[in-house]
Amino acid sequence: MSWSVLVFSGLLESVWAVALSRTAGFTRPLPSVIFVIALVLSMVGLGYALRTIPVGTGYAVWVGIGVAGTAVTGMLFLGESANLLRVFSLLLVVAGVIGLKLFH
């Protein structure tokens, strides 16, 4: 259960990061509300998961999922560069997250 919550919380990290980029300095209400809700839920989920997952592993997995999700969202929907080196680098992040889970 903790790992499922951690993965979901990592995905919510991507949501709040993208929403934050759309707030225009918190002058746009909808992305600002999405940011706050996703941030709170992401942190609560991380806290829950860290009750049974070691903090170093859990935090690294949470950040890795957030980084990968945010970067992929940026490349697919926000016009960010999707060159070969960026994609390869993301694959390294994903491999690291998988390794942390497997060797926990």
PDB file of N, CA and C in Angstrom:
ATOM      1  N   MET A   1       0.823  -1.202   0.000  1.00  0.00           N
ATOM      2  CA  MET A   1       0.000   0.000   0.000  1.00  0.00           C
ATOM      3  C   MET A   1       0.861   1.257   0.000  1.00  0.00           C
ATOM      4  N   SER A   2       1.932   1.252   0.799  1.00  0.00           N
ATOM      5  CA  SER A   2       2.789   2.435   0.884  1.00  0.00           C
ATOM      6  C   SER A   2       3.424   2.771  -0.456  1.00  0.00           C
ATOM      7  N   TRP A   3       3.828   1.741  -1.209  1.00  0.00           N
ATOM      8  CA  TRP A   3       4.448   2.007  -2.503  1.00  0.00           C
ATOM      9  C   TRP A   3       3.444   2.600  -3.483  1.00  0.00           C
ATOM     10  N   SER A   4       2.209   2.131  -3.458  1.00  0.00           N
ATOM     11  CA  SER A   4       1.173   2.696  -4.337  1.00  0.00           C
ATOM     12  C   SER A   4       0.923   4.159  -3.999  1.00  0.00           C
ATOM     13  N   VAL A   5       0.850   4.451  -2.718  1.00  0.00           N
ATOM     14  CA  VAL A   5       0.649   5.836  -2.275  1.00  0.00           C
ATOM     15  C   VAL A   5       1.842   6.694  -2.690  1.00  0.00           C
ATOM     16  N   LEU A   6       3.046   6.142  -2.562  1.00  0.00           N
ATOM     17  CA  LEU A   6       4.243   6.890  -2.946  1.00  0.00           C
ATOM     18  C   LEU A   6       4.247   7.204  -4.436  1.00  0.00           C
ATOM     19  N   VAL A   7       3.898   6.239  -5.270  1.00  0.00           N
ATOM     20  CA  VAL A   7       3.845   6.472  -6.720  1.00  0.00           C
ATOM     21  C   VAL A   7       2.801   7.531  -7.040  1.00  0.00           C
ATOM     22  N   PHE A   8       1.623   7.419  -6.457  1.00  0.00           N
ATOM     23  CA  PHE A   8       0.574   8.414  -6.699  1.00  0.00           C
ATOM     24  C   PHE A   8       1.024   9.797  -6.239  1.00  0.00           C
ATOM     25  N   SER A   9       1.692   9.863  -5.104  1.00  0.00           N
ATOM     26  CA  SER A   9       2.192  11.142  -4.591  1.00  0.00           C
ATOM     27  C   SER A   9       3.251  11.728  -5.518  1.00  0.00           C
ATOM     28  N   GLY A  10       4.080  10.867  -6.098  1.00  0.00           N
ATOM     29  CA  GLY A  10       5.066  11.331  -7.074  1.00  0.00           C
ATOM     30  C   GLY A  10       4.411  11.894  -8.316  1.00  0.00           C
ATOM     31  N   LEU A  11       3.338  11.258  -8.761  1.00  0.00           N
ATOM     32  CA  LEU A  11       2.595  11.788  -9.911  1.00  0.00           C
ATOM     33  C   LEU A  11       1.963  13.133  -9.575  1.00  0.00           C
ATOM     34  N   LEU A  12       1.464  13.259  -8.351  1.00  0.00           N
ATOM     35  CA  LEU A  12       0.907  14.547  -7.922  1.00  0.00           C
ATOM     36  C   LEU A  12       1.980  15.628  -7.863  1.00  0.00           C
ATOM     37  N   GLU A  13       3.224  15.233  -7.614  1.00  0.00           N
ATOM     38  CA  GLU A  13       4.312  16.213  -7.654  1.00  0.00           C
ATOM     39  C   GLU A  13       4.415  16.816  -9.053  1.00  0.00           C
ATOM     40  N   SER A  14       4.249  15.989 -10.073  1.00  0.00           N
ATOM     41  CA  SER A  14       4.254  16.498 -11.445  1.00  0.00           C
ATOM     42  C   SER A  14       3.093  17.457 -11.674  1.00  0.00           C
ATOM     43  N   VAL A  15       1.935  17.109 -11.136  1.00  0.00           N
ATOM     44  CA  VAL A  15       0.757  17.969 -11.294  1.00  0.00           C
ATOM     45  C   VAL A  15       1.015  19.333 -10.673  1.00  0.00           C
ATOM     46  N   TRP A  16       1.527  19.360  -9.436  1.00  0.00           N
ATOM     47  CA  TRP A  16       1.721  20.673  -8.805  1.00  0.00           C
ATOM     48  C   TRP A  16       2.839  21.457  -9.461  1.00  0.00           C
ATOM     49  N   ALA A  17       3.849  20.779  -9.977  1.00  0.00           N
ATOM     50  CA  ALA A  17       4.934  21.500 -10.652  1.00  0.00           C
ATOM     51  C   ALA A  17       4.436  22.163 -11.935  1.00  0.00           C
ATOM     52  N   VAL A  18       3.654  21.432 -12.712  1.00  0.00           N
ATOM     53  CA  VAL A  18       3.109  22.006 -13.948  1.00  0.00           C
ATOM     54  C   VAL A  18       2.104  23.106 -13.617  1.00  0.00           C
ATOM     55  N   ALA A  19       1.253  22.865 -12.630  1.00  0.00           N
ATOM     56  CA  ALA A  19       0.284  23.896 -12.228  1.00  0.00           C
ATOM     57  C   ALA A  19       1.002  25.157 -11.768  1.00  0.00           C
ATOM     58  N   LEU A  20       2.077  24.992 -11.011  1.00  0.00           N
ATOM     59  CA  LEU A  20       2.847  26.149 -10.551  1.00  0.00           C
ATOM     60  C   LEU A  20       3.368  26.963 -11.729  1.00  0.00           C
ATOM     61  N   SER A  21       3.795  26.280 -12.777  1.00  0.00           N
ATOM     62  CA  SER A  21       4.308  26.999 -13.948  1.00  0.00           C
ATOM     63  C   SER A  21       3.211  27.771 -14.670  1.00  0.00           C
ATOM     64  N   ARG A  22       1.969  27.418 -14.410  1.00  0.00           N
ATOM     65  CA  ARG A  22       0.826  28.062 -15.077  1.00  0.00           C
ATOM     66  C   ARG A  22       0.131  29.121 -14.221  1.00  0.00           C
ATOM     67  N   THR A  23       0.592  29.342 -12.991  1.00  0.00           N
ATOM     68  CA  THR A  23      -0.102  30.277 -12.098  1.00  0.00           C
ATOM     69  C   THR A  23       0.151  31.743 -12.424  1.00  0.00           C
ATOM     70  N   ALA A  24       1.196  32.031 -13.201  1.00  0.00           N
ATOM     71  CA  ALA A  24       1.584  33.424 -13.506  1.00  0.00           C
ATOM     72  C   ALA A  24       1.733  34.219 -12.210  1.00  0.00           C
ATOM     73  N   GLY A  25       2.562  33.675 -11.316  1.00  0.00           N
ATOM     74  CA  GLY A  25       2.785  34.364 -10.039  1.00  0.00           C
ATOM     75  C   GLY A  25       1.566  34.351  -9.139  1.00  0.00           C
ATOM     76  N   PHE A  26       0.799  33.291  -9.219  1.00  0.00           N
ATOM     77  CA  PHE A  26      -0.426  33.114  -8.426  1.00  0.00           C
ATOM     78  C   PHE A  26      -1.483  34.172  -8.740  1.00  0.00           C
ATOM     79  N   THR A  27      -1.493  34.637  -9.985  1.00  0.00           N
ATOM     80  CA  THR A  27      -2.531  35.578 -10.421  1.00  0.00           C
ATOM     81  C   THR A  27      -3.645  34.867 -11.174  1.00  0.00           C
ATOM     82  N   ARG A  28      -3.463  33.602 -11.505  1.00  0.00           N
ATOM     83  CA  ARG A  28      -4.492  32.826 -12.201  1.00  0.00           C
ATOM     84  C   ARG A  28      -5.085  31.831 -11.199  1.00  0.00           C
ATOM     85  N   PRO A  29      -6.376  31.986 -10.872  1.00  0.00           N
ATOM     86  CA  PRO A  29      -6.982  31.195  -9.791  1.00  0.00           C
ATOM     87  C   PRO A  29      -6.984  29.678 -10.009  1.00  0.00           C
ATOM     88  N   LEU A  30      -7.402  29.202 -11.181  1.00  0.00           N
ATOM     89  CA  LEU A  30      -7.541  27.754 -11.360  1.00  0.00           C
ATOM     90  C   LEU A  30      -6.207  27.015 -11.211  1.00  0.00           C
ATOM     91  N   PRO A  31      -5.154  27.417 -11.926  1.00  0.00           N
ATOM     92  CA  PRO A  31      -3.892  26.703 -11.705  1.00  0.00           C
ATOM     93  C   PRO A  31      -3.356  26.872 -10.286  1.00  0.00           C
ATOM     94  N   SER A  32      -3.658  27.997  -9.653  1.00  0.00           N
ATOM     95  CA  SER A  32      -3.209  28.216  -8.273  1.00  0.00           C
ATOM     96  C   SER A  32      -3.891  27.247  -7.316  1.00  0.00           C
ATOM     97  N   VAL A  33      -5.189  27.026  -7.499  1.00  0.00           N
ATOM     98  CA  VAL A  33      -5.934  26.085  -6.656  1.00  0.00           C
ATOM     99  C   VAL A  33      -5.456  24.655  -6.914  1.00  0.00           C
ATOM    100  N   ILE A  34      -5.263  24.310  -8.189  1.00  0.00           N
ATOM    101  CA  ILE A  34      -4.760  22.975  -8.527  1.00  0.00           C
ATOM    102  C   ILE A  34      -3.390  22.760  -7.886  1.00  0.00           C
ATOM    103  N   PHE A  35      -2.536  23.778  -7.947  1.00  0.00           N
ATOM    104  CA  PHE A  35      -1.212  23.694  -7.328  1.00  0.00           C
ATOM    105  C   PHE A  35      -1.316  23.375  -5.842  1.00  0.00           C
ATOM    106  N   VAL A  36      -2.124  24.140  -5.123  1.00  0.00           N
ATOM    107  CA  VAL A  36      -2.223  23.965  -3.667  1.00  0.00           C
ATOM    108  C   VAL A  36      -2.774  22.582  -3.319  1.00  0.00           C
ATOM    109  N   ILE A  37      -3.832  22.167  -3.993  1.00  0.00           N
ATOM    110  CA  ILE A  37      -4.442  20.867  -3.699  1.00  0.00           C
ATOM    111  C   ILE A  37      -3.463  19.734  -3.997  1.00  0.00           C
ATOM    112  N   ALA A  38      -2.830  19.783  -5.172  1.00  0.00           N
ATOM    113  CA  ALA A  38      -1.888  18.720  -5.539  1.00  0.00           C
ATOM    114  C   ALA A  38      -0.680  18.701  -4.606  1.00  0.00           C
ATOM    115  N   LEU A  39      -0.207  19.886  -4.209  1.00  0.00           N
ATOM    116  CA  LEU A  39       0.938  19.965  -3.298  1.00  0.00           C
ATOM    117  C   LEU A  39       0.607  19.333  -1.947  1.00  0.00           C
ATOM    118  N   VAL A  40      -0.535  19.698  -1.395  1.00  0.00           N
ATOM    119  CA  VAL A  40      -0.926  19.163  -0.083  1.00  0.00           C
ATOM    120  C   VAL A  40      -1.110  17.647  -0.160  1.00  0.00           C
ATOM    121  N   LEU A  41      -1.836  17.177  -1.170  1.00  0.00           N
ATOM    122  CA  LEU A  41      -2.064  15.733  -1.295  1.00  0.00           C
ATOM    123  C   LEU A  41      -0.755  14.979  -1.526  1.00  0.00           C
ATOM    124  N   SER A  42       0.135  15.558  -2.309  1.00  0.00           N
ATOM    125  CA  SER A  42       1.428  14.934  -2.571  1.00  0.00           C
ATOM    126  C   SER A  42       2.249  14.808  -1.292  1.00  0.00           C
ATOM    127  N   MET A  43       2.272  15.861  -0.503  1.00  0.00           N
ATOM    128  CA  MET A  43       3.036  15.837   0.751  1.00  0.00           C
ATOM    129  C   MET A  43       2.423  14.878   1.777  1.00  0.00           C
ATOM    130  N   VAL A  44       1.107  14.875   1.868  1.00  0.00           N
ATOM    131  CA  VAL A  44       0.438  13.954   2.798  1.00  0.00           C
ATOM    132  C   VAL A  44       0.730  12.508   2.388  1.00  0.00           C
ATOM    133  N   GLY A  45       0.640  12.232   1.095  1.00  0.00           N
ATOM    134  CA  GLY A  45       0.936  10.883   0.614  1.00  0.00           C
ATOM    135  C   GLY A  45       2.379  10.487   0.868  1.00  0.00           C
ATOM    136  N   LEU A  46       3.298  11.413   0.636  1.00  0.00           N
ATOM    137  CA  LEU A  46       4.707  11.137   0.913  1.00  0.00           C
ATOM    138  C   LEU A  46       4.903  10.821   2.393  1.00  0.00           C
ATOM    139  N   GLY A  47       4.302  11.620   3.240  1.00  0.00           N
ATOM    140  CA  GLY A  47       4.409  11.385   4.678  1.00  0.00           C
ATOM    141  C   GLY A  47       3.858  10.028   5.079  1.00  0.00           C
ATOM    142  N   TYR A  48       2.730   9.651   4.494  1.00  0.00           N
ATOM    143  CA  TYR A  48       2.135   8.344   4.779  1.00  0.00           C
ATOM    144  C   TYR A  48       3.080   7.221   4.346  1.00  0.00           C
ATOM    145  N   ALA A  49       3.605   7.336   3.132  1.00  0.00           N
ATOM    146  CA  ALA A  49       4.475   6.291   2.595  1.00  0.00           C
ATOM    147  C   ALA A  49       5.751   6.139   3.417  1.00  0.00           C
ATOM    148  N   LEU A  50       6.260   7.250   3.923  1.00  0.00           N
ATOM    149  CA  LEU A  50       7.515   7.205   4.676  1.00  0.00           C
ATOM    150  C   LEU A  50       7.365   6.581   6.058  1.00  0.00           C
ATOM    151  N   ARG A  51       6.144   6.230   6.428  1.00  0.00           N
ATOM    152  CA  ARG A  51       5.964   5.501   7.688  1.00  0.00           C
ATOM    153  C   ARG A  51       6.557   4.105   7.598  1.00  0.00           C
ATOM    154  N   THR A  52       6.569   3.519   6.386  1.00  0.00           N
ATOM    155  CA  THR A  52       7.072   2.150   6.231  1.00  0.00           C
ATOM    156  C   THR A  52       8.216   2.027   5.224  1.00  0.00           C
ATOM    157  N   ILE A  53       8.456   3.046   4.434  1.00  0.00           N
ATOM    158  CA  ILE A  53       9.554   3.037   3.459  1.00  0.00           C
ATOM    159  C   ILE A  53      10.664   3.922   4.014  1.00  0.00           C
ATOM    160  N   PRO A  54      11.915   3.474   3.966  1.00  0.00           N
ATOM    161  CA  PRO A  54      13.007   4.314   4.464  1.00  0.00           C
ATOM    162  C   PRO A  54      13.036   5.675   3.763  1.00  0.00           C
ATOM    163  N   VAL A  55      13.340   6.719   4.515  1.00  0.00           N
ATOM    164  CA  VAL A  55      13.241   8.080   4.000  1.00  0.00           C
ATOM    165  C   VAL A  55      14.124   8.301   2.773  1.00  0.00           C
ATOM    166  N   GLY A  56      15.332   7.783   2.768  1.00  0.00           N
ATOM    167  CA  GLY A  56      16.219   7.986   1.621  1.00  0.00           C
ATOM    168  C   GLY A  56      15.655   7.377   0.354  1.00  0.00           C
ATOM    169  N   THR A  57      15.148   6.171   0.471  1.00  0.00           N
ATOM    170  CA  THR A  57      14.555   5.480  -0.672  1.00  0.00           C
ATOM    171  C   THR A  57      13.254   6.148  -1.092  1.00  0.00           C
ATOM    172  N   GLY A  58      12.372   6.384  -0.140  1.00  0.00           N
ATOM    173  CA  GLY A  58      11.065   6.965  -0.453  1.00  0.00           C
ATOM    174  C   GLY A  58      11.166   8.338  -1.076  1.00  0.00           C
ATOM    175  N   TYR A  59      11.998   9.184  -0.498  1.00  0.00           N
ATOM    176  CA  TYR A  59      12.131  10.545  -1.023  1.00  0.00           C
ATOM    177  C   TYR A  59      12.742  10.524  -2.418  1.00  0.00           C
ATOM    178  N   ALA A  60      13.758   9.685  -2.633  1.00  0.00           N
ATOM    179  CA  ALA A  60      14.382   9.607  -3.954  1.00  0.00           C
ATOM    180  C   ALA A  60      13.401   9.099  -5.004  1.00  0.00           C
ATOM    181  N   VAL A  61      12.600   8.110  -4.658  1.00  0.00           N
ATOM    182  CA  VAL A  61      11.605   7.591  -5.594  1.00  0.00           C
ATOM    183  C   VAL A  61      10.556   8.657  -5.887  1.00  0.00           C
ATOM    184  N   TRP A  62      10.081   9.343  -4.863  1.00  0.00           N
ATOM    185  CA  TRP A  62       9.073  10.403  -5.025  1.00  0.00           C
ATOM    186  C   TRP A  62       9.590  11.500  -5.952  1.00  0.00           C
ATOM    187  N   VAL A  63      10.808  11.952  -5.700  1.00  0.00           N
ATOM    188  CA  VAL A  63      11.397  13.002  -6.535  1.00  0.00           C
ATOM    189  C   VAL A  63      11.614  12.492  -7.958  1.00  0.00           C
ATOM    190  N   GLY A  64      12.103  11.259  -8.091  1.00  0.00           N
ATOM    191  CA  GLY A  64      12.344  10.704  -9.422  1.00  0.00           C
ATOM    192  C   GLY A  64      11.080  10.619 -10.253  1.00  0.00           C
ATOM    193  N   ILE A  65       9.998  10.169  -9.640  1.00  0.00           N
ATOM    194  CA  ILE A  65       8.716  10.106 -10.352  1.00  0.00           C
ATOM    195  C   ILE A  65       8.265  11.508 -10.732  1.00  0.00           C
ATOM    196  N   GLY A  66       8.403  12.446  -9.808  1.00  0.00           N
ATOM    197  CA  GLY A  66       8.020  13.827 -10.093  1.00  0.00           C
ATOM    198  C   GLY A  66       8.843  14.440 -11.205  1.00  0.00           C
ATOM    199  N   VAL A  67      10.150  14.215 -11.170  1.00  0.00           N
ATOM    200  CA  VAL A  67      11.040  14.747 -12.209  1.00  0.00           C
ATOM    201  C   VAL A  67      10.678  14.162 -13.566  1.00  0.00           C
ATOM    202  N   ALA A  68      10.565  12.846 -13.632  1.00  0.00           N
ATOM    203  CA  ALA A  68      10.258  12.198 -14.902  1.00  0.00           C
ATOM    204  C   ALA A  68       8.886  12.622 -15.421  1.00  0.00           C
ATOM    205  N   GLY A  69       7.892  12.631 -14.548  1.00  0.00           N
ATOM    206  CA  GLY A  69       6.547  13.023 -14.970  1.00  0.00           C
ATOM    207  C   GLY A  69       6.472  14.459 -15.444  1.00  0.00           C
ATOM    208  N   THR A  70       7.150  15.351 -14.741  1.00  0.00           N
ATOM    209  CA  THR A  70       7.146  16.760 -15.122  1.00  0.00           C
ATOM    210  C   THR A  70       7.870  16.959 -16.445  1.00  0.00           C
ATOM    211  N   ALA A  71       9.005  16.301 -16.619  1.00  0.00           N
ATOM    212  CA  ALA A  71       9.763  16.439 -17.863  1.00  0.00           C
ATOM    213  C   ALA A  71       8.993  15.873 -19.056  1.00  0.00           C
ATOM    214  N   VAL A  72       8.375  14.722 -18.881  1.00  0.00           N
ATOM    215  CA  VAL A  72       7.591  14.128 -19.971  1.00  0.00           C
ATOM    216  C   VAL A  72       6.402  15.019 -20.312  1.00  0.00           C
ATOM    217  N   THR A  73       5.722  15.536 -19.301  1.00  0.00           N
ATOM    218  CA  THR A  73       4.605  16.457 -19.547  1.00  0.00           C
ATOM    219  C   THR A  73       5.089  17.679 -20.315  1.00  0.00           C
ATOM    220  N   GLY A  74       6.224  18.222 -19.913  1.00  0.00           N
ATOM    221  CA  GLY A  74       6.784  19.378 -20.606  1.00  0.00           C
ATOM    222  C   GLY A  74       7.095  19.079 -22.061  1.00  0.00           C
ATOM    223  N   MET A  75       7.657  17.906 -22.311  1.00  0.00           N
ATOM    224  CA  MET A  75       8.007  17.546 -23.686  1.00  0.00           C
ATOM    225  C   MET A  75       6.772  17.264 -24.538  1.00  0.00           C
ATOM    226  N   LEU A  76       5.783  16.590 -23.961  1.00  0.00           N
ATOM    227  CA  LEU A  76       4.603  16.206 -24.742  1.00  0.00           C
ATOM    228  C   LEU A  76       3.590  17.329 -24.928  1.00  0.00           C
ATOM    229  N   PHE A  77       3.446  18.191 -23.916  1.00  0.00           N
ATOM    230  CA  PHE A  77       2.348  19.148 -23.948  1.00  0.00           C
ATOM    231  C   PHE A  77       2.750  20.610 -23.853  1.00  0.00           C
ATOM    232  N   LEU A  78       3.977  20.892 -23.438  1.00  0.00           N
ATOM    233  CA  LEU A  78       4.349  22.283 -23.186  1.00  0.00           C
ATOM    234  C   LEU A  78       5.440  22.790 -24.119  1.00  0.00           C
ATOM    235  N   GLY A  79       5.743  22.031 -25.144  1.00  0.00           N
ATOM    236  CA  GLY A  79       6.695  22.481 -26.150  1.00  0.00           C
ATOM    237  C   GLY A  79       8.156  22.440 -25.734  1.00  0.00           C
ATOM    238  N   GLU A  80       8.483  21.688 -24.700  1.00  0.00           N
ATOM    239  CA  GLU A  80       9.878  21.584 -24.283  1.00  0.00           C
ATOM    240  C   GLU A  80      10.629  20.614 -25.194  1.00  0.00           C
ATOM    241  N   SER A  81      11.923  20.805 -25.296  1.00  0.00           N
ATOM    242  CA  SER A  81      12.779  19.988 -26.141  1.00  0.00           C
ATOM    243  C   SER A  81      12.697  18.517 -25.742  1.00  0.00           C
ATOM    244  N   ALA A  82      12.649  17.653 -26.750  1.00  0.00           N
ATOM    245  CA  ALA A  82      12.616  16.208 -26.502  1.00  0.00           C
ATOM    246  C   ALA A  82      13.754  15.534 -27.256  1.00  0.00           C
ATOM    247  N   ASN A  83      14.952  16.083 -27.160  1.00  0.00           N
ATOM    248  CA  ASN A  83      16.076  15.510 -27.900  1.00  0.00           C
ATOM    249  C   ASN A  83      16.537  14.194 -27.269  1.00  0.00           C
ATOM    250  N   LEU A  84      17.395  13.503 -27.988  1.00  0.00           N
ATOM    251  CA  LEU A  84      17.832  12.174 -27.584  1.00  0.00           C
ATOM    252  C   LEU A  84      18.513  12.165 -26.214  1.00  0.00           C
ATOM    253  N   LEU A  85      19.335  13.156 -25.926  1.00  0.00           N
ATOM    254  CA  LEU A  85      20.026  13.189 -24.637  1.00  0.00           C
ATOM    255  C   LEU A  85      19.067  13.409 -23.475  1.00  0.00           C
ATOM    256  N   ARG A  86      18.051  14.241 -23.680  1.00  0.00           N
ATOM    257  CA  ARG A  86      17.053  14.444 -22.610  1.00  0.00           C
ATOM    258  C   ARG A  86      16.291  13.156 -22.337  1.00  0.00           C
ATOM    259  N   VAL A  87      15.863  12.493 -23.400  1.00  0.00           N
ATOM    260  CA  VAL A  87      15.108  11.247 -23.242  1.00  0.00           C
ATOM    261  C   VAL A  87      15.985  10.186 -22.574  1.00  0.00           C
ATOM    262  N   PHE A  88      17.238  10.074 -22.991  1.00  0.00           N
ATOM    263  CA  PHE A  88      18.154   9.117 -22.372  1.00  0.00           C
ATOM    264  C   PHE A  88      18.347   9.435 -20.892  1.00  0.00           C
ATOM    265  N   SER A  89      18.494  10.702 -20.576  1.00  0.00           N
ATOM    266  CA  SER A  89      18.664  11.114 -19.180  1.00  0.00           C
ATOM    267  C   SER A  89      17.440  10.755 -18.344  1.00  0.00           C
ATOM    268  N   LEU A  90      16.251  10.935 -18.913  1.00  0.00           N
ATOM    269  CA  LEU A  90      15.026  10.546 -18.202  1.00  0.00           C
ATOM    270  C   LEU A  90      14.978   9.039 -17.971  1.00  0.00           C
ATOM    271  N   LEU A  91      15.438   8.288 -18.954  1.00  0.00           N
ATOM    272  CA  LEU A  91      15.482   6.837 -18.783  1.00  0.00           C
ATOM    273  C   LEU A  91      16.421   6.450 -17.644  1.00  0.00           C
ATOM    274  N   LEU A  92      17.509   7.192 -17.475  1.00  0.00           N
ATOM    275  CA  LEU A  92      18.405   6.940 -16.348  1.00  0.00           C
ATOM    276  C   LEU A  92      17.710   7.213 -15.015  1.00  0.00           C
ATOM    277  N   VAL A  93      16.919   8.292 -14.967  1.00  0.00           N
ATOM    278  CA  VAL A  93      16.164   8.601 -13.745  1.00  0.00           C
ATOM    279  C   VAL A  93      15.192   7.464 -13.439  1.00  0.00           C
ATOM    280  N   VAL A  94      14.460   7.024 -14.457  1.00  0.00           N
ATOM    281  CA  VAL A  94      13.494   5.939 -14.276  1.00  0.00           C
ATOM    282  C   VAL A  94      14.211   4.660 -13.836  1.00  0.00           C
ATOM    283  N   ALA A  95      15.352   4.359 -14.445  1.00  0.00           N
ATOM    284  CA  ALA A  95      16.120   3.173 -14.051  1.00  0.00           C
ATOM    285  C   ALA A  95      16.557   3.280 -12.591  1.00  0.00           C
ATOM    286  N   GLY A  96      16.947   4.464 -12.165  1.00  0.00           N
ATOM    287  CA  GLY A  96      17.334   4.663 -10.771  1.00  0.00           C
ATOM    288  C   GLY A  96      16.180   4.435  -9.816  1.00  0.00           C
ATOM    289  N   VAL A  97      15.005   4.932 -10.186  1.00  0.00           N
ATOM    290  CA  VAL A  97      13.811   4.739  -9.351  1.00  0.00           C
ATOM    291  C   VAL A  97      13.479   3.251  -9.253  1.00  0.00           C
ATOM    292  N   ILE A  98      13.528   2.562 -10.382  1.00  0.00           N
ATOM    293  CA  ILE A  98      13.246   1.122 -10.378  1.00  0.00           C
ATOM    294  C   ILE A  98      14.273   0.384  -9.519  1.00  0.00           C
ATOM    295  N   GLY A  99      15.539   0.764  -9.658  1.00  0.00           N
ATOM    296  CA  GLY A  99      16.585   0.136  -8.852  1.00  0.00           C
ATOM    297  C   GLY A  99      16.369   0.339  -7.365  1.00  0.00           C
ATOM    298  N   LEU A 100      15.985   1.548  -6.981  1.00  0.00           N
ATOM    299  CA  LEU A 100      15.724   1.809  -5.560  1.00  0.00           C
ATOM    300  C   LEU A 100      14.588   0.941  -5.037  1.00  0.00           C
ATOM    301  N   LYS A 101      13.565   0.763  -5.856  1.00  0.00           N
ATOM    302  CA  LYS A 101      12.436  -0.070  -5.439  1.00  0.00           C
ATOM    303  C   LYS A 101      12.856  -1.537  -5.347  1.00  0.00           C
ATOM    304  N   LEU A 102      13.574  -2.016  -6.359  1.00  0.00           N
ATOM    305  CA  LEU A 102      13.944  -3.430  -6.393  1.00  0.00           C
ATOM    306  C   LEU A 102      14.902  -3.822  -5.279  1.00  0.00           C
ATOM    307  N   PHE A 103      15.811  -2.926  -4.942  1.00  0.00           N
ATOM    308  CA  PHE A 103      16.846  -3.267  -3.968  1.00  0.00           C
ATOM    309  C   PHE A 103      16.574  -2.676  -2.592  1.00  0.00           C
ATOM    310  N   HIS A 104      15.314  -2.354  -2.339  1.00  0.00           N
ATOM    311  CA  HIS A 104      14.883  -1.789  -1.049  1.00  0.00           C
ATOM    312  C   HIS A 104      15.010  -2.808   0.044  1.00  0.00           C
TER     313      HIS A 104
END
